[in-house]
Amino acid sequence: MTYAVVNPATGETLAEYPEATDAQIQDALAAAHEGFLAWRQTPVAERAAVVRRVAELHRERRDELAAAIVREMGKPLEAALGEVDFAADIVEYYARNAEVVTADQPIDVLGEGTAVVRRSPLGVLLGIMPWNFPAYQVARFAAPNLVIGNTIILKHAPQCPESSAILERIYAEAGLPAGGYVNVYATNEQAATIIADPRVQGVSVTGSERAGAAVAALAGQHLKKVALELGGSDPFLLLSTDDLDTAAQNAVDARLDNTGQSCNGAKRFIVIDELYDEFLALFVEKMAAAKLGDPLAEDTVLGPLSSLAAAERLQEQVDRAVAQGAQLATGGTRDGAFFPATVLTGVTPEMDVYREELFGPAGVVYRAADEADAVRIANDTSFGLGSYVYTTDPGQASRVADALEAGMVYVNCVLADSPELPFGGVKRSGTSRELGLLAADEFVNKKLIRVV
């Protein structure tokens, strides 16, 4: 069974969901297209009211949805509740800004007459979502596109069938037309069929480089717009500080968020030479103290990784790094799907781990000679999602932010994502933006209307 709830903390299979039949996929396509024909004609204020109700239902059912997330991928309960709350905030943001994201944009014409860019929906969109944030990822894709007037077919990760079913009920009960939001337990082959269907106008993927490349190739073959949010190996540059203990704690928080399974989590810690030794000691101490255990316990910082396979994959990466000459400062040995906070040092460009994304609670600490060296190390990667800069010098902050090859730069803060802030990367980390007003421009017809 492809779609199943397997509790990573125990390995127990709690529920199984049948894959969609080919007939069900065709029904989903037909429903989404018919839903679009009705939804695009619905006044913006009415669409916003429905989307606002989606946010309210997230809040009303936060306990149910969070509990499903814990069962499916092992997220500590408090973090799962926080994820649902953030998803509700995101949905509410787009309901509140519906008139803004759909408004005409006047253009100052050089000749006589007038011109505007009018934003209108494209049609049915396919969303292919990951397991690491089952509610948040859906919210940031679905909410802006529903406000615009598109409709959604949602293929969630195979290990998230319970939360995806809850979300489909939430969107339906909020008042979307039939077919406005359709959850499908599709195979990869069926997803390809959906992408190829002429009624589908675009596809959004959040996931691995491999998945993104495969979907982008297929979308290109069928001339469909594709939005990609892929992996990251975000640098955390410590260049100066007047509070090293707080900087070290922020570094730990940035690495261990979501048990280290965040695409924009800090993963490479690049520390100026004069701060390196003291930072490393603090960082290792704080990482080692992070409590690993039952995701339902209040004091748990690290739950299990999302699956046994994920823990085995991270173990192989860490073991290979050590075999190639890296030093293990703490952690490094899994217990089933549980993996302790882990710190590697002495990593060089010749080692595999220098180029890899570590998707779990493991980080690499690098020593930098100076600002230029820190930027060089930070940019020496195929990824370009987020980045973090700690400095007491505003001029340095501006220089380094300009120099970093990333879609996002956070200065002297971590875990500072917010609904109004655009999220996305460059290089192999993706091609699009979600959140903020920019998200509402990904799948929209920016129609020029010129009148003389």
Protein backbone atom coordinates (compact mmCIF):
# COMPACT_ATOMS: atom_id res chain seq x y z
CA MET A 1 0.00 0.00 0.00
CA THR A 2 1.57 3.31 -1.10
CA TYR A 3 -0.51 5.64 1.10
CA ALA A 4 -0.25 4.66 4.74
CA VAL A 5 0.14 6.18 8.18
CA VAL A 6 3.24 4.58 9.69
CA ASN A 7 4.14 5.99 13.09
CA PRO A 8 7.92 6.57 12.85
CA ALA A 9 8.27 6.54 16.64
CA THR A 10 7.08 2.91 16.83
CA GLY A 11 7.15 1.61 13.26
CA GLU A 12 3.48 0.64 13.59
CA THR A 13 1.22 0.93 10.56
CA LEU A 14 -1.85 2.74 11.86
CA ALA A 15 -3.94 3.08 8.71
CA GLU A 16 -3.82 2.35 4.99
CA TYR A 17 -5.53 4.25 2.20
CA PRO A 18 -6.19 2.77 -1.26
CA GLU A 19 -4.55 4.41 -4.24
CA ALA A 20 -6.87 6.20 -6.63
CA THR A 21 -8.20 4.29 -9.59
CA ASP A 22 -7.70 5.74 -13.05
CA ALA A 23 -11.43 6.44 -13.14
CA GLN A 24 -11.16 8.43 -9.89
CA ILE A 25 -8.35 10.50 -11.39
CA GLN A 26 -10.54 11.34 -14.38
CA ASP A 27 -13.39 12.23 -12.03
CA ALA A 28 -11.04 14.53 -10.09
CA LEU A 29 -9.95 16.28 -13.27
CA ALA A 30 -13.52 16.76 -14.41
CA ALA A 31 -14.63 18.04 -11.00
CA ALA A 32 -11.71 20.47 -10.70
CA HIS A 33 -12.36 21.86 -14.17
CA GLU A 34 -16.11 22.28 -13.58
CA GLY A 35 -15.32 23.81 -10.20
CA PHE A 36 -13.01 26.31 -11.88
CA LEU A 37 -15.71 27.43 -14.29
CA ALA A 38 -17.87 28.35 -11.31
CA TRP A 39 -15.13 29.60 -8.96
CA ARG A 40 -13.56 32.03 -11.40
CA GLN A 41 -16.95 33.78 -11.78
CA THR A 42 -17.37 34.11 -8.00
CA PRO A 43 -16.79 37.70 -6.83
CA VAL A 44 -13.43 38.26 -5.15
CA ALA A 45 -15.05 39.23 -1.85
CA GLU A 46 -16.97 35.93 -1.80
CA ARG A 47 -13.84 33.93 -2.63
CA ALA A 48 -12.06 35.74 0.21
CA ALA A 49 -14.86 34.87 2.63
CA VAL A 50 -14.57 31.17 1.78
CA VAL A 51 -10.78 31.23 2.19
CA ARG A 52 -11.19 33.06 5.51
CA ARG A 53 -13.46 30.24 6.65
CA VAL A 54 -10.70 27.78 5.72
CA ALA A 55 -8.45 29.60 8.20
CA GLU A 56 -11.11 29.45 10.89
CA LEU A 57 -11.55 25.71 10.37
CA HIS A 58 -7.80 25.18 10.71
CA ARG A 59 -8.02 26.82 14.12
CA GLU A 60 -11.15 24.95 15.14
CA ARG A 61 -9.59 21.58 14.21
CA ARG A 62 -6.00 22.29 15.19
CA ASP A 63 -5.88 19.41 17.69
CA GLU A 64 -7.20 16.87 15.19
CA LEU A 65 -4.88 18.01 12.41
CA ALA A 66 -1.83 18.28 14.66
CA ALA A 67 -2.39 14.79 16.06
CA ALA A 68 -2.51 13.39 12.53
CA ILE A 69 0.77 15.13 11.70
CA VAL A 70 2.43 13.60 14.78
CA ARG A 71 1.25 10.13 13.78
CA GLU A 72 2.31 10.51 10.17
CA MET A 73 5.80 12.02 10.40
CA GLY A 74 6.76 12.18 14.07
CA LYS A 75 6.71 15.96 14.58
CA PRO A 76 6.70 16.88 18.29
CA LEU A 77 3.15 17.80 19.27
CA GLU A 78 3.85 21.42 20.22
CA ALA A 79 5.57 21.95 16.87
CA ALA A 80 2.65 20.32 15.05
CA LEU A 81 0.19 22.64 16.80
CA GLY A 82 2.40 25.58 15.86
CA GLU A 83 2.43 24.43 12.24
CA VAL A 84 -1.36 24.35 12.09
CA ASP A 85 -1.55 27.81 13.64
CA PHE A 86 0.92 29.15 11.08
CA ALA A 87 -1.05 27.53 8.25
CA ALA A 88 -4.17 29.30 9.52
CA ASP A 89 -2.31 32.62 9.62
CA ILE A 90 -1.16 32.12 6.02
CA VAL A 91 -4.65 31.35 4.77
CA GLU A 92 -6.04 34.34 6.67
CA TYR A 93 -3.37 36.59 5.13
CA TYR A 94 -4.53 35.80 1.60
CA ALA A 95 -8.19 36.22 2.52
CA ARG A 96 -7.35 39.63 3.97
CA ASN A 97 -5.34 40.64 0.89
CA ALA A 98 -7.66 39.22 -1.76
CA GLU A 99 -8.50 42.62 -3.22
CA VAL A 100 -4.81 43.54 -3.33
CA VAL A 101 -3.63 40.46 -5.21
CA THR A 102 -6.44 40.63 -7.76
CA ALA A 103 -6.44 44.40 -8.35
CA ASP A 104 -5.72 45.94 -11.73
CA GLN A 105 -2.25 47.42 -12.11
CA PRO A 106 -2.39 50.70 -14.08
CA ILE A 107 0.46 51.51 -16.47
CA ASP A 108 1.59 55.01 -17.41
CA VAL A 109 1.40 54.83 -21.21
CA LEU A 110 3.68 56.82 -23.49
CA GLY A 111 0.91 57.54 -25.98
CA GLU A 112 -2.78 58.33 -25.65
CA GLY A 113 -5.35 56.20 -23.87
CA THR A 114 -4.95 53.85 -20.92
CA ALA A 115 -3.42 50.49 -20.08
CA VAL A 116 -3.78 48.11 -17.15
CA VAL A 117 -2.53 44.66 -16.25
CA ARG A 118 -5.50 42.62 -15.09
CA ARG A 119 -4.83 39.47 -13.08
CA SER A 120 -7.08 36.52 -13.83
CA PRO A 121 -6.89 32.83 -12.90
CA LEU A 122 -5.36 30.18 -15.15
CA GLY A 123 -7.47 27.15 -14.22
CA VAL A 124 -6.83 23.83 -12.54
CA LEU A 125 -3.50 23.47 -10.73
CA LEU A 126 -1.80 20.33 -9.41
CA GLY A 127 0.04 20.59 -6.11
CA ILE A 128 2.58 17.90 -5.23
CA MET A 129 3.35 18.34 -1.54
CA PRO A 130 6.01 16.95 0.85
CA TRP A 131 5.70 15.24 4.20
CA ASN A 132 7.77 17.58 6.40
CA PHE A 133 5.07 20.26 6.87
CA PRO A 134 1.78 18.56 5.94
CA ALA A 135 -0.47 21.56 6.69
CA TYR A 136 1.83 24.55 6.18
CA GLN A 137 2.99 23.53 2.70
CA VAL A 138 -0.58 23.08 1.48
CA ALA A 139 -1.68 26.44 2.91
CA ARG A 140 1.00 28.43 1.13
CA PHE A 141 0.17 26.82 -2.21
CA ALA A 142 -3.60 26.57 -2.02
CA ALA A 143 -4.61 29.83 -0.32
CA PRO A 144 -3.24 32.41 -2.79
CA ASN A 145 -4.36 30.39 -5.79
CA LEU A 146 -7.89 29.92 -4.50
CA VAL A 147 -8.18 33.65 -3.82
CA ILE A 148 -7.10 34.31 -7.41
CA GLY A 149 -9.76 31.92 -8.71
CA ASN A 150 -7.79 28.81 -9.60
CA THR A 151 -8.86 25.37 -8.38
CA ILE A 152 -6.65 22.73 -6.81
CA ILE A 153 -5.90 19.05 -7.25
CA LEU A 154 -3.68 18.05 -4.34
CA LYS A 155 -1.35 15.04 -4.34
CA HIS A 156 0.15 14.86 -0.89
CA ALA A 157 3.11 12.77 0.22
CA PRO A 158 2.23 9.07 0.53
CA GLN A 159 2.93 9.13 4.27
CA CYS A 160 0.41 11.95 4.87
CA PRO A 161 -2.94 10.47 3.78
CA GLU A 162 -4.75 11.23 7.04
CA SER A 163 -3.87 14.92 7.23
CA SER A 164 -4.55 15.35 3.52
CA ALA A 165 -8.04 13.91 4.00
CA ILE A 166 -8.67 16.29 6.91
CA LEU A 167 -7.56 19.23 4.79
CA GLU A 168 -9.85 18.25 1.91
CA ARG A 169 -12.79 18.20 4.34
CA ILE A 170 -11.79 21.62 5.69
CA TYR A 171 -11.72 23.19 2.22
CA ALA A 172 -15.01 21.57 1.22
CA GLU A 173 -16.80 22.59 4.42
CA ALA A 174 -15.54 26.15 4.05
CA GLY A 175 -17.79 26.53 1.02
CA LEU A 176 -15.68 25.91 -2.08
CA PRO A 177 -17.67 24.64 -5.07
CA ALA A 178 -17.47 20.92 -5.79
CA GLY A 179 -14.06 20.34 -7.32
CA GLY A 180 -12.57 23.50 -5.85
CA TYR A 181 -10.05 21.46 -3.85
CA VAL A 182 -9.68 17.76 -4.63
CA ASN A 183 -7.37 15.41 -2.72
CA VAL A 184 -6.09 12.44 -4.75
CA TYR A 185 -4.11 9.42 -3.60
CA ALA A 186 -2.37 9.29 -6.94
CA THR A 187 0.57 7.22 -8.07
CA ASN A 188 3.47 8.92 -9.82
CA GLU A 189 2.14 7.62 -13.13
CA GLN A 190 -1.27 9.10 -12.40
CA ALA A 191 0.35 12.41 -11.44
CA ALA A 192 1.96 12.40 -14.88
CA THR A 193 -1.48 11.86 -16.41
CA ILE A 194 -2.82 14.86 -14.48
CA ILE A 195 0.04 17.08 -15.63
CA ALA A 196 -0.52 16.06 -19.26
CA ASP A 197 -4.25 16.75 -19.16
CA PRO A 198 -5.15 19.92 -21.11
CA ARG A 199 -7.52 21.04 -18.34
CA VAL A 200 -4.54 21.42 -15.97
CA GLN A 201 -2.68 24.71 -16.38
CA GLY A 202 0.19 24.39 -13.92
CA VAL A 203 1.92 22.32 -11.29
CA SER A 204 3.64 23.25 -8.04
CA VAL A 205 6.16 20.92 -6.42
CA THR A 206 7.76 21.15 -3.02
CA GLY A 207 10.26 18.35 -2.52
CA SER A 208 13.61 16.96 -3.52
CA GLU A 209 15.80 17.98 -6.45
CA ARG A 210 15.06 14.62 -8.08
CA ALA A 211 11.30 15.03 -7.81
CA GLY A 212 11.47 18.64 -8.98
CA ALA A 213 13.57 17.80 -12.02
CA ALA A 214 11.26 14.94 -13.01
CA VAL A 215 8.10 17.04 -12.72
CA ALA A 216 9.69 20.05 -14.45
CA ALA A 217 10.72 17.87 -17.40
CA LEU A 218 7.19 16.52 -17.72
CA ALA A 219 5.61 19.95 -17.34
CA GLY A 220 7.93 21.34 -19.99
CA GLN A 221 7.01 18.55 -22.35
CA HIS A 222 3.37 19.61 -22.05
CA LEU A 223 4.09 23.38 -21.94
CA LYS A 224 2.73 23.79 -18.42
CA LYS A 225 3.85 26.42 -15.92
CA VAL A 226 5.79 24.82 -13.05
CA ALA A 227 6.77 26.23 -9.67
CA LEU A 228 9.57 24.49 -7.78
CA GLU A 229 10.47 24.70 -4.07
CA LEU A 230 13.33 22.25 -3.56
CA GLY A 231 16.13 21.47 -1.14
CA GLY A 232 18.58 23.68 0.67
CA SER A 233 21.84 23.66 2.59
CA ASP A 234 21.49 27.07 4.17
CA PRO A 235 24.59 28.76 5.63
CA PHE A 236 24.67 30.43 9.04
CA LEU A 237 27.47 33.01 9.03
CA LEU A 238 28.73 34.20 12.42
CA LEU A 239 30.94 37.22 11.75
CA SER A 240 30.63 39.20 14.98
CA THR A 241 28.39 39.24 18.03
CA ASP A 242 28.00 40.88 21.40
CA ASP A 243 26.11 37.84 22.75
CA LEU A 244 27.75 34.61 21.70
CA ASP A 245 25.53 32.43 23.88
CA THR A 246 22.37 33.70 22.18
CA ALA A 247 23.94 33.37 18.75
CA ALA A 248 24.85 29.77 19.52
CA GLN A 249 21.33 29.03 20.78
CA ASN A 250 19.84 30.60 17.66
CA ALA A 251 22.12 28.39 15.59
CA VAL A 252 20.83 25.32 17.43
CA ASP A 253 17.22 26.44 16.98
CA ALA A 254 17.80 26.99 13.26
CA ARG A 255 19.27 23.50 12.88
CA LEU A 256 16.85 21.51 15.04
CA ASP A 257 13.55 23.03 13.93
CA ASN A 258 11.21 20.26 12.75
CA THR A 259 13.78 17.69 13.97
CA GLY A 260 16.18 19.12 11.40
CA GLN A 261 13.82 18.37 8.51
CA SER A 262 13.31 21.88 7.12
CA CYS A 263 14.50 22.77 3.65
CA ASN A 264 15.47 26.24 4.90
CA GLY A 265 16.98 25.10 8.18
CA ALA A 266 20.54 26.26 8.80
CA LYS A 267 22.81 23.32 7.99
CA ARG A 268 26.29 24.82 7.48
CA PHE A 269 27.70 26.99 10.28
CA ILE A 270 30.49 29.26 9.04
CA VAL A 271 32.27 30.99 11.90
CA ILE A 272 34.91 33.72 11.78
CA ASP A 273 38.28 32.47 13.05
CA GLU A 274 38.39 34.45 16.31
CA LEU A 275 34.96 33.17 17.40
CA TYR A 276 35.26 29.60 16.12
CA ASP A 277 36.55 27.73 19.16
CA GLU A 278 34.22 29.36 21.67
CA PHE A 279 31.22 29.05 19.37
CA LEU A 280 31.94 25.40 18.62
CA ALA A 281 32.10 24.55 22.33
CA LEU A 282 28.77 26.27 23.00
CA PHE A 283 27.12 24.85 19.89
CA VAL A 284 28.16 21.28 20.70
CA GLU A 285 27.05 21.65 24.32
CA LYS A 286 23.63 22.97 23.35
CA MET A 287 23.12 20.45 20.53
CA ALA A 288 24.02 17.58 22.85
CA ALA A 289 21.49 18.82 25.43
CA ALA A 290 18.56 18.77 22.99
CA LYS A 291 16.09 16.18 24.31
CA LEU A 292 15.32 13.32 21.94
CA GLY A 293 12.19 11.30 22.61
CA ASP A 294 8.44 10.80 22.52
CA PRO A 295 6.91 13.41 20.18
CA LEU A 296 3.90 13.65 22.50
CA ALA A 297 6.02 14.67 25.51
CA GLU A 298 6.02 18.39 26.32
CA ASP A 299 9.80 18.70 26.72
CA THR A 300 10.75 16.84 23.55
CA VAL A 301 12.90 18.88 21.17
CA LEU A 302 13.65 16.10 18.69
CA GLY A 303 11.12 13.48 17.72
CA PRO A 304 11.90 10.62 15.36
CA LEU A 305 12.82 11.36 11.77
CA SER A 306 9.93 10.97 9.39
CA SER A 307 10.69 7.31 8.71
CA LEU A 308 13.21 4.58 9.40
CA ALA A 309 14.49 5.02 5.84
CA ALA A 310 15.17 8.73 6.50
CA ALA A 311 17.18 7.90 9.63
CA GLU A 312 19.14 5.22 7.79
CA ARG A 313 19.92 7.67 4.99
CA LEU A 314 21.22 10.29 7.43
CA GLN A 315 23.26 7.65 9.25
CA GLU A 316 24.90 6.63 5.99
CA GLN A 317 25.80 10.25 5.22
CA VAL A 318 27.32 10.85 8.66
CA ASP A 319 29.24 7.55 8.61
CA ARG A 320 30.59 8.30 5.15
CA ALA A 321 31.68 11.78 6.25
CA VAL A 322 33.61 10.33 9.20
CA ALA A 323 35.15 7.64 6.99
CA GLN A 324 36.35 10.39 4.65
CA GLY A 325 38.03 12.29 7.48
CA ALA A 326 35.40 14.50 9.19
CA GLN A 327 35.36 14.66 12.98
CA LEU A 328 32.24 13.84 14.97
CA ALA A 329 31.85 16.34 17.82
CA THR A 330 28.60 14.91 19.21
CA GLY A 331 25.80 12.51 18.28
CA GLY A 332 25.99 10.52 15.08
CA THR A 333 24.32 7.21 16.03
CA ARG A 334 20.64 6.55 15.42
CA ASP A 335 18.22 4.42 17.46
CA GLY A 336 15.60 3.21 15.05
CA ALA A 337 14.13 6.34 13.45
CA PHE A 338 15.44 8.52 16.29
CA PHE A 339 18.60 10.48 15.51
CA PRO A 340 20.40 12.65 18.09
CA ALA A 341 21.61 16.18 17.43
CA THR A 342 24.88 15.73 15.56
CA VAL A 343 27.82 18.05 14.83
CA LEU A 344 30.56 17.45 12.23
CA THR A 345 33.78 19.46 11.91
CA GLY A 346 36.84 19.23 9.71
CA VAL A 347 34.78 18.85 6.53
CA THR A 348 36.66 19.70 3.35
CA PRO A 349 35.48 20.21 -0.25
CA GLU A 350 36.78 16.76 -1.18
CA MET A 351 34.23 15.06 1.11
CA ASP A 352 30.77 14.10 -0.14
CA VAL A 353 29.02 15.78 2.78
CA TYR A 354 30.44 19.15 1.70
CA ARG A 355 28.04 19.09 -1.28
CA GLU A 356 25.09 17.25 0.27
CA GLU A 357 21.99 18.35 2.13
CA LEU A 358 21.73 16.79 5.58
CA PHE A 359 17.98 16.38 6.13
CA GLY A 360 17.89 15.73 9.83
CA PRO A 361 19.41 17.13 13.05
CA ALA A 362 23.02 17.20 11.83
CA GLY A 363 25.11 20.28 11.10
CA VAL A 364 28.61 21.02 9.86
CA VAL A 365 30.77 23.77 11.41
CA TYR A 366 33.39 25.53 9.26
CA ARG A 367 36.16 27.96 10.22
CA ALA A 368 36.41 31.11 8.05
CA ALA A 369 39.49 33.34 7.89
CA ASP A 370 37.52 36.55 7.28
CA GLU A 371 34.31 37.96 5.78
CA ALA A 372 35.31 37.18 2.20
CA ASP A 373 36.23 33.60 3.12
CA ALA A 374 32.91 33.13 4.92
CA VAL A 375 30.97 34.32 1.87
CA ARG A 376 33.07 32.07 -0.37
CA ILE A 377 32.27 29.00 1.73
CA ALA A 378 28.59 29.96 1.95
CA ASN A 379 28.26 30.27 -1.83
CA ASP A 380 30.25 27.13 -2.61
CA THR A 381 27.12 24.98 -3.00
CA SER A 382 24.60 24.06 -5.65
CA PHE A 383 21.80 25.18 -3.32
CA GLY A 384 20.54 28.72 -2.82
CA LEU A 385 17.46 28.75 -0.61
CA GLY A 386 17.93 30.72 2.62
CA SER A 387 20.82 32.08 4.66
CA TYR A 388 21.53 33.61 8.07
CA VAL A 389 24.02 36.34 8.92
CA TYR A 390 25.06 37.35 12.44
CA THR A 391 26.99 40.57 12.75
CA THR A 392 27.00 43.75 14.85
CA ASP A 393 28.11 45.81 11.83
CA PRO A 394 25.20 47.12 9.67
CA GLY A 395 27.53 47.82 6.77
CA GLN A 396 28.86 44.28 6.88
CA ALA A 397 25.30 42.92 7.06
CA SER A 398 24.39 44.81 3.89
CA ARG A 399 27.55 43.74 2.02
CA VAL A 400 27.18 40.08 2.93
CA ALA A 401 23.45 40.01 2.20
CA ASP A 402 24.19 41.36 -1.28
CA ALA A 403 26.98 38.84 -1.83
CA LEU A 404 25.11 35.70 -0.76
CA GLU A 405 23.65 33.58 -3.58
CA ALA A 406 20.33 32.83 -1.91
CA GLY A 407 16.66 33.63 -2.22
CA MET A 408 16.41 34.76 1.40
CA VAL A 409 18.79 36.40 3.89
CA TYR A 410 17.91 36.73 7.58
CA VAL A 411 20.17 39.03 9.60
CA ASN A 412 20.50 38.41 13.34
CA CYS A 413 17.35 36.26 13.48
CA VAL A 414 16.17 32.73 12.80
CA LEU A 415 12.74 31.08 12.54
CA ALA A 416 11.41 34.44 11.34
CA ASP A 417 9.19 33.25 8.48
CA SER A 418 5.87 35.09 8.26
CA PRO A 419 2.90 35.03 5.86
CA GLU A 420 3.83 38.36 4.26
CA LEU A 421 7.47 37.42 3.57
CA PRO A 422 8.20 35.73 0.22
CA PHE A 423 9.82 32.30 0.45
CA GLY A 424 11.95 30.73 -2.27
CA GLY A 425 15.42 30.16 -3.64
CA VAL A 426 17.80 30.20 -6.57
CA LYS A 427 20.21 27.71 -8.15
CA ARG A 428 19.06 24.14 -7.44
CA SER A 429 16.76 25.24 -4.62
CA GLY A 430 13.90 26.25 -6.89
CA THR A 431 12.40 28.65 -9.37
CA SER A 432 9.49 30.37 -7.68
CA ARG A 433 8.20 32.22 -4.62
CA GLU A 434 5.56 31.26 -2.11
CA LEU A 435 4.13 33.38 0.72
CA GLY A 436 3.79 37.14 0.53
CA LEU A 437 2.20 38.95 -2.37
CA LEU A 438 4.68 37.39 -4.82
CA ALA A 439 3.05 33.97 -4.35
CA ALA A 440 -0.13 35.24 -5.95
CA ASP A 441 1.72 36.01 -9.19
CA GLU A 442 2.93 32.47 -9.89
CA PHE A 443 -0.20 31.04 -11.52
CA VAL A 444 -2.04 34.03 -12.91
CA ASN A 445 -2.71 35.52 -16.34
CA LYS A 446 -1.23 39.01 -16.23
CA LYS A 447 -3.44 40.27 -19.03
CA LEU A 448 -2.64 43.60 -20.67
CA ILE A 449 -5.69 45.68 -21.54
CA ARG A 450 -4.79 48.68 -23.72
CA VAL A 451 -7.54 51.16 -24.55
CA VAL A 452 -7.35 54.10 -26.97
